[in-house]
């Protein structure tokens, strides 16, 4: 079975996984201390769409407040895509 090639896109950046802090292992070893991170799948890095900013829900930690779950807003990455909206709520260019 051949692996699919992933095209690098200029609209994405590689950032350190906030959930595992770039280690690639699950920070809460519930199943095993050798478990891979559920966010980055053991790579320690995730791709984020440009432009991005720290997640306002988790503060960039990637961890949902007072739990062992990854943040639902950023999906554990710690960063979110900044939408191109204006202060009035209208989308730019429309």
Protein backbone atom coordinates (compact mmCIF):
# COMPACT_ATOMS: atom_id res chain seq x y z
CA UNK A 1 0.00 0.00 0.00
CA UNK A 2 1.42 3.36 -1.03
CA UNK A 3 1.37 6.41 1.19
CA UNK A 4 -0.36 9.49 -0.09
CA UNK A 5 1.86 12.48 -0.60
CA UNK A 6 0.90 15.51 1.42
CA UNK A 7 1.43 18.77 -0.41
CA UNK A 8 2.95 21.55 1.63
CA UNK A 9 0.76 24.60 1.49
CA UNK A 10 1.98 28.15 2.05
CA UNK A 11 -1.19 28.86 4.06
CA UNK A 12 -0.14 26.57 6.93
CA UNK A 13 2.60 26.69 9.56
CA UNK A 14 4.03 23.93 11.72
CA UNK A 15 3.76 24.67 15.44
CA UNK A 16 4.68 22.75 18.57
CA UNK A 17 1.78 20.70 19.94
CA UNK A 18 0.42 22.51 23.00
CA UNK A 19 -1.32 19.45 24.49
CA UNK A 20 1.84 17.34 24.86
CA UNK A 21 4.25 20.33 24.83
CA UNK A 22 6.04 18.89 21.80
CA UNK A 23 6.99 15.56 23.42
CA UNK A 24 4.61 13.40 21.38
CA UNK A 25 3.40 11.36 24.36
CA UNK A 26 0.08 11.62 26.16
CA UNK A 27 0.52 14.07 29.09
CA UNK A 28 -2.09 12.13 31.07
CA UNK A 29 -1.02 8.47 30.72
CA UNK A 30 -4.43 6.95 31.37
CA UNK A 31 -3.94 3.87 29.19
CA UNK A 32 -0.15 3.65 29.29
CA UNK A 33 2.84 5.87 29.90
CA UNK A 34 3.85 5.04 26.31
CA UNK A 35 0.62 6.29 24.71
CA UNK A 36 0.94 8.74 21.82
CA UNK A 37 -0.54 12.21 22.06
CA UNK A 38 -4.11 12.19 20.70
CA UNK A 39 -3.61 15.63 19.11
CA UNK A 40 -0.32 15.28 17.20
CA UNK A 41 -0.28 11.43 17.07
CA UNK A 42 3.25 11.26 18.46
CA UNK A 43 4.87 13.80 16.11
CA UNK A 44 5.14 16.69 18.60
CA UNK A 45 4.08 19.16 15.92
CA UNK A 46 0.76 20.16 14.39
CA UNK A 47 -0.20 22.27 11.39
CA UNK A 48 -2.06 25.52 11.91
CA UNK A 49 -3.72 27.66 9.28
CA UNK A 50 -2.22 31.11 8.86
CA UNK A 51 -2.75 33.66 10.35
CA UNK A 52 -3.12 32.19 13.82
CA UNK A 53 -3.27 33.41 17.41
CA UNK A 54 -3.34 31.80 20.85
CA UNK A 55 -6.61 30.06 21.66
CA UNK A 56 -8.75 32.31 23.89
CA UNK A 57 -10.54 29.34 25.48
CA UNK A 58 -7.48 27.54 26.88
CA UNK A 59 -4.92 30.35 26.78
CA UNK A 60 -2.66 28.36 24.47
CA UNK A 61 -2.27 25.34 26.75
CA UNK A 62 -4.37 23.01 24.59
CA UNK A 63 -5.98 21.55 27.71
CA UNK A 64 -9.63 22.07 28.63
CA UNK A 65 -9.96 23.87 31.98
CA UNK A 66 -9.73 21.55 35.01
CA UNK A 67 -9.82 18.29 33.05
CA UNK A 68 -7.69 15.82 31.14
CA UNK A 69 -9.38 16.59 27.83
CA UNK A 70 -7.92 18.61 25.01
CA UNK A 71 -9.49 22.00 24.32
CA UNK A 72 -12.56 21.79 22.12
CA UNK A 73 -11.97 25.21 20.59
CA UNK A 74 -8.45 24.65 19.25
CA UNK A 75 -8.56 20.83 19.33
CA UNK A 76 -5.47 20.76 21.54
CA UNK A 77 -3.23 22.72 19.18
CA UNK A 78 -3.13 25.80 21.39
CA UNK A 79 -3.65 28.12 18.43
CA UNK A 80 -6.69 29.04 16.35
CA UNK A 81 -7.06 30.57 12.91
CA UNK A 82 -7.78 34.28 13.09
CA UNK A 83 -10.93 34.96 11.10
CA UNK A 84 -10.98 37.89 8.73
CA UNK A 85 -13.90 39.66 10.42
CA UNK A 86 -14.40 43.34 11.11
CA UNK A 87 -15.66 44.82 14.37
CA UNK A 88 -19.23 45.07 13.09
CA UNK A 89 -19.37 41.33 12.43
CA UNK A 90 -19.27 41.72 8.65
CA UNK A 91 -16.86 39.49 6.82
CA UNK A 92 -14.11 41.40 5.02
CA UNK A 93 -14.57 41.56 1.27
CA UNK A 94 -18.32 40.97 1.32
